[in-house]
Amino acid sequence: MDAIPTTEKEMYNQLAFYTLSLADTSFIHQHIIDAWAAQHADENEKPIKTIFALIGLYLAIEKNYTGKEVQRAHMLLARNKRQWPVFPIPAEKSRMTVFDIMAQPVGPKRDKAIMQWCASVWDSWAEIHDEIQELTRLELGNI
């Protein structure tokens, strides 16, 4: 019998297995990577990880980018060898977690929950939305 995941990280790994197993052309897996990274960012994190996650969430939620399109944007951003800005971590993090997503049945309901999670995490960073939008414009052009 398989062990039941009990920690949030174990549950995230199960979600990652689920999204990778879809082999979908939109690549929803990228969205869970960004949501997880932004939700779990802290002062010890490398700025590039948090910035890429936030730009990914911005593109997904505000611009309706697929995971594949976000992944391409990340590849373009990675070409720019620069020091990325550091933003303050939100005091109030998203209350939605991977447990909420994994409580949904496999398929469209779970996929919808993933996007709700992304929106919730993005909303928790509301104080810097303008800065992320401007950074995205500067680095990737008017998208």
C-alpha atoms as a PDB file:
ATOM      1  CA  MET A   1       0.000   0.000   0.000  1.00  0.00           C
ATOM      2  CA  ASP A   2       1.304   3.485  -0.922  1.00  0.00           C
ATOM      3  CA  ALA A   3       1.891   5.974   1.854  1.00  0.00           C
ATOM      4  CA  ILE A   4      -0.581   8.846   1.982  1.00  0.00           C
ATOM      5  CA  PRO A   5       1.174  12.208   1.537  1.00  0.00           C
ATOM      6  CA  THR A   6       0.943  14.209   4.734  1.00  0.00           C
ATOM      7  CA  THR A   7       3.152  17.249   4.278  1.00  0.00           C
ATOM      8  CA  GLU A   8       2.467  20.136   1.953  1.00  0.00           C
ATOM      9  CA  LYS A   9       5.660  19.335   0.008  1.00  0.00           C
ATOM     10  CA  GLU A  10       4.603  15.704  -0.433  1.00  0.00           C
ATOM     11  CA  MET A  11       1.207  16.883  -1.641  1.00  0.00           C
ATOM     12  CA  TYR A  12       2.912  19.286  -4.063  1.00  0.00           C
ATOM     13  CA  ASN A  13       4.963  16.388  -5.416  1.00  0.00           C
ATOM     14  CA  GLN A  14       1.727  14.448  -6.002  1.00  0.00           C
ATOM     15  CA  LEU A  15       0.270  17.469  -7.804  1.00  0.00           C
ATOM     16  CA  ALA A  16       3.409  17.762  -9.910  1.00  0.00           C
ATOM     17  CA  PHE A  17       3.109  14.090 -10.839  1.00  0.00           C
ATOM     18  CA  TYR A  18      -0.506  14.736 -11.843  1.00  0.00           C
ATOM     19  CA  THR A  19       0.276  17.791 -13.999  1.00  0.00           C
ATOM     20  CA  LEU A  20       3.244  16.133 -15.682  1.00  0.00           C
ATOM     21  CA  SER A  21       1.209  13.017 -16.430  1.00  0.00           C
ATOM     22  CA  LEU A  22      -1.288  15.117 -18.396  1.00  0.00           C
ATOM     23  CA  ALA A  23       1.232  15.713 -21.182  1.00  0.00           C
ATOM     24  CA  ASP A  24      -1.039  18.578 -22.240  1.00  0.00           C
ATOM     25  CA  THR A  25       0.019  21.073 -24.870  1.00  0.00           C
ATOM     26  CA  SER A  26      -0.818  24.015 -22.589  1.00  0.00           C
ATOM     27  CA  PHE A  27       1.634  22.663 -19.958  1.00  0.00           C
ATOM     28  CA  ILE A  28      -0.340  23.515 -16.806  1.00  0.00           C
ATOM     29  CA  HIS A  29       2.611  22.150 -14.845  1.00  0.00           C
ATOM     30  CA  GLN A  30       4.416  25.492 -15.260  1.00  0.00           C
ATOM     31  CA  HIS A  31       1.631  27.242 -13.388  1.00  0.00           C
ATOM     32  CA  ILE A  32       2.005  25.036 -10.309  1.00  0.00           C
ATOM     33  CA  ILE A  33       5.758  25.648 -10.279  1.00  0.00           C
ATOM     34  CA  ASP A  34       5.194  29.407 -10.279  1.00  0.00           C
ATOM     35  CA  ALA A  35       2.366  29.336  -7.726  1.00  0.00           C
ATOM     36  CA  TRP A  36       4.415  27.170  -5.360  1.00  0.00           C
ATOM     37  CA  ALA A  37       7.542  29.325  -5.705  1.00  0.00           C
ATOM     38  CA  ALA A  38       5.667  32.592  -5.146  1.00  0.00           C
ATOM     39  CA  GLN A  39       3.644  31.229  -2.234  1.00  0.00           C
ATOM     40  CA  HIS A  40       6.717  29.825  -0.486  1.00  0.00           C
ATOM     41  CA  ALA A  41       9.117  32.675  -1.223  1.00  0.00           C
ATOM     42  CA  ASP A  42      11.080  33.997   1.716  1.00  0.00           C
ATOM     43  CA  GLU A  43      13.968  36.363   2.402  1.00  0.00           C
ATOM     44  CA  ASN A  44      16.496  33.565   1.831  1.00  0.00           C
ATOM     45  CA  GLU A  45      15.267  32.818  -1.689  1.00  0.00           C
ATOM     46  CA  LYS A  46      17.295  33.889  -4.702  1.00  0.00           C
ATOM     47  CA  PRO A  47      15.518  36.877  -6.268  1.00  0.00           C
ATOM     48  CA  ILE A  48      15.463  35.248  -9.716  1.00  0.00           C
ATOM     49  CA  LYS A  49      13.245  32.407  -8.482  1.00  0.00           C
ATOM     50  CA  THR A  50      10.649  34.725  -6.978  1.00  0.00           C
ATOM     51  CA  ILE A  51      10.717  37.195  -9.893  1.00  0.00           C
ATOM     52  CA  PHE A  52      10.294  34.437 -12.482  1.00  0.00           C
ATOM     53  CA  ALA A  53       7.407  32.979 -10.478  1.00  0.00           C
ATOM     54  CA  LEU A  54       5.695  36.355 -10.177  1.00  0.00           C
ATOM     55  CA  ILE A  55       6.161  37.160 -13.853  1.00  0.00           C
ATOM     56  CA  GLY A  56       4.796  33.703 -14.658  1.00  0.00           C
ATOM     57  CA  LEU A  57       1.730  34.305 -12.502  1.00  0.00           C
ATOM     58  CA  TYR A  58       1.243  37.763 -14.012  1.00  0.00           C
ATOM     59  CA  LEU A  59       1.348  36.319 -17.518  1.00  0.00           C
ATOM     60  CA  ALA A  60      -0.977  33.444 -16.588  1.00  0.00           C
ATOM     61  CA  ILE A  61      -3.571  35.426 -14.649  1.00  0.00           C
ATOM     62  CA  GLU A  62      -3.501  38.864 -16.256  1.00  0.00           C
ATOM     63  CA  LYS A  63      -2.531  37.909 -19.823  1.00  0.00           C
ATOM     64  CA  ASN A  64      -4.028  34.388 -20.054  1.00  0.00           C
ATOM     65  CA  TYR A  65      -0.737  32.790 -21.057  1.00  0.00           C
ATOM     66  CA  THR A  66      -0.593  29.025 -21.142  1.00  0.00           C
ATOM     67  CA  GLY A  67       2.075  27.264 -19.137  1.00  0.00           C
ATOM     68  CA  LYS A  68       3.987  26.661 -22.377  1.00  0.00           C
ATOM     69  CA  GLU A  69       3.927  30.400 -23.171  1.00  0.00           C
ATOM     70  CA  VAL A  70       5.077  31.228 -19.636  1.00  0.00           C
ATOM     71  CA  GLN A  71       7.867  28.697 -19.994  1.00  0.00           C
ATOM     72  CA  ARG A  72       9.011  30.444 -23.202  1.00  0.00           C
ATOM     73  CA  ALA A  73       8.910  33.803 -21.411  1.00  0.00           C
ATOM     74  CA  HIS A  74      11.084  32.353 -18.636  1.00  0.00           C
ATOM     75  CA  MET A  75      13.603  31.194 -21.253  1.00  0.00           C
ATOM     76  CA  LEU A  76      13.741  34.716 -22.703  1.00  0.00           C
ATOM     77  CA  LEU A  77      14.153  36.205 -19.230  1.00  0.00           C
ATOM     78  CA  ALA A  78      16.978  33.782 -18.454  1.00  0.00           C
ATOM     79  CA  ARG A  79      19.004  35.254 -21.319  1.00  0.00           C
ATOM     80  CA  ASN A  80      19.207  38.538 -19.415  1.00  0.00           C
ATOM     81  CA  LYS A  81      22.072  38.160 -17.002  1.00  0.00           C
ATOM     82  CA  ARG A  82      21.228  40.833 -14.473  1.00  0.00           C
ATOM     83  CA  GLN A  83      20.640  41.414 -10.825  1.00  0.00           C
ATOM     84  CA  TRP A  84      16.931  40.956 -10.236  1.00  0.00           C
ATOM     85  CA  PRO A  85      15.104  43.215  -7.792  1.00  0.00           C
ATOM     86  CA  VAL A  86      14.081  42.019  -4.364  1.00  0.00           C
ATOM     87  CA  PHE A  87      10.513  42.727  -3.280  1.00  0.00           C
ATOM     88  CA  PRO A  88       9.092  42.472   0.224  1.00  0.00           C
ATOM     89  CA  ILE A  89       7.378  39.179   0.981  1.00  0.00           C
ATOM     90  CA  PRO A  90       3.646  39.671   1.581  1.00  0.00           C
ATOM     91  CA  ALA A  91       2.641  39.450   5.216  1.00  0.00           C
ATOM     92  CA  GLU A  92      -0.549  37.633   4.237  1.00  0.00           C
ATOM     93  CA  LYS A  93       0.027  34.639   1.970  1.00  0.00           C
ATOM     94  CA  SER A  94      -2.636  32.908  -0.065  1.00  0.00           C
ATOM     95  CA  ARG A  95      -4.788  30.674   2.084  1.00  0.00           C
ATOM     96  CA  MET A  96      -5.328  28.280  -0.801  1.00  0.00           C
ATOM     97  CA  THR A  97      -2.773  25.468  -0.829  1.00  0.00           C
ATOM     98  CA  VAL A  98      -1.973  22.309  -2.731  1.00  0.00           C
ATOM     99  CA  PHE A  99      -4.235  20.460  -0.290  1.00  0.00           C
ATOM    100  CA  ASP A 100      -7.192  22.378  -1.751  1.00  0.00           C
ATOM    101  CA  ILE A 101      -6.200  21.460  -5.298  1.00  0.00           C
ATOM    102  CA  MET A 102      -5.607  17.810  -4.517  1.00  0.00           C
ATOM    103  CA  ALA A 103      -9.018  17.623  -2.802  1.00  0.00           C
ATOM    104  CA  GLN A 104     -10.565  18.174  -6.235  1.00  0.00           C
ATOM    105  CA  PRO A 105     -11.235  15.249  -8.546  1.00  0.00           C
ATOM    106  CA  VAL A 106      -8.780  14.584 -11.352  1.00  0.00           C
ATOM    107  CA  GLY A 107      -9.661  16.442 -14.526  1.00  0.00           C
ATOM    108  CA  PRO A 108     -11.274  19.801 -15.244  1.00  0.00           C
ATOM    109  CA  LYS A 109     -12.191  20.535 -11.611  1.00  0.00           C
ATOM    110  CA  ARG A 110      -8.605  20.034 -10.451  1.00  0.00           C
ATOM    111  CA  ASP A 111      -7.253  22.025 -13.381  1.00  0.00           C
ATOM    112  CA  LYS A 112      -9.654  24.873 -12.557  1.00  0.00           C
ATOM    113  CA  ALA A 113      -8.515  24.734  -8.917  1.00  0.00           C
ATOM    114  CA  ILE A 114      -4.898  25.071 -10.078  1.00  0.00           C
ATOM    115  CA  MET A 115      -5.748  28.311 -11.859  1.00  0.00           C
ATOM    116  CA  GLN A 116      -7.705  29.543  -8.823  1.00  0.00           C
ATOM    117  CA  TRP A 117      -4.633  28.834  -6.705  1.00  0.00           C
ATOM    118  CA  CYS A 118      -2.464  30.788  -9.147  1.00  0.00           C
ATOM    119  CA  ALA A 119      -4.884  33.736  -8.948  1.00  0.00           C
ATOM    120  CA  SER A 120      -4.957  33.564  -5.157  1.00  0.00           C
ATOM    121  CA  VAL A 121      -1.157  33.538  -4.895  1.00  0.00           C
ATOM    122  CA  TRP A 122      -0.895  36.369  -7.439  1.00  0.00           C
ATOM    123  CA  ASP A 123      -3.461  38.380  -5.437  1.00  0.00           C
ATOM    124  CA  SER A 124      -1.382  37.962  -2.281  1.00  0.00           C
ATOM    125  CA  TRP A 125       1.378  39.958  -4.021  1.00  0.00           C
ATOM    126  CA  ALA A 126      -1.032  42.811  -4.962  1.00  0.00           C
ATOM    127  CA  GLU A 127       1.226  45.521  -3.529  1.00  0.00           C
ATOM    128  CA  ILE A 128       3.818  44.925  -6.253  1.00  0.00           C
ATOM    129  CA  HIS A 129       1.603  44.116  -9.244  1.00  0.00           C
ATOM    130  CA  ASP A 130       2.536  47.394 -10.961  1.00  0.00           C
ATOM    131  CA  GLU A 131       6.248  46.738 -10.487  1.00  0.00           C
ATOM    132  CA  ILE A 132       5.959  43.200 -11.884  1.00  0.00           C
ATOM    133  CA  GLN A 133       3.971  44.464 -14.860  1.00  0.00           C
ATOM    134  CA  GLU A 134       6.586  47.145 -15.563  1.00  0.00           C
ATOM    135  CA  LEU A 135       9.480  44.707 -15.105  1.00  0.00           C
ATOM    136  CA  THR A 136       7.794  42.316 -17.518  1.00  0.00           C
ATOM    137  CA  ARG A 137       7.330  45.108 -20.061  1.00  0.00           C
ATOM    138  CA  LEU A 138      10.962  46.182 -19.728  1.00  0.00           C
ATOM    139  CA  GLU A 139      12.322  42.658 -20.049  1.00  0.00           C
ATOM    140  CA  LEU A 140       9.907  41.146 -22.574  1.00  0.00           C
ATOM    141  CA  GLY A 141       8.402  44.166 -24.356  1.00  0.00           C
ATOM    142  CA  ASN A 142       4.734  45.031 -24.652  1.00  0.00           C
ATOM    143  CA  ILE A 143       3.036  41.707 -24.363  1.00  0.00           C
END
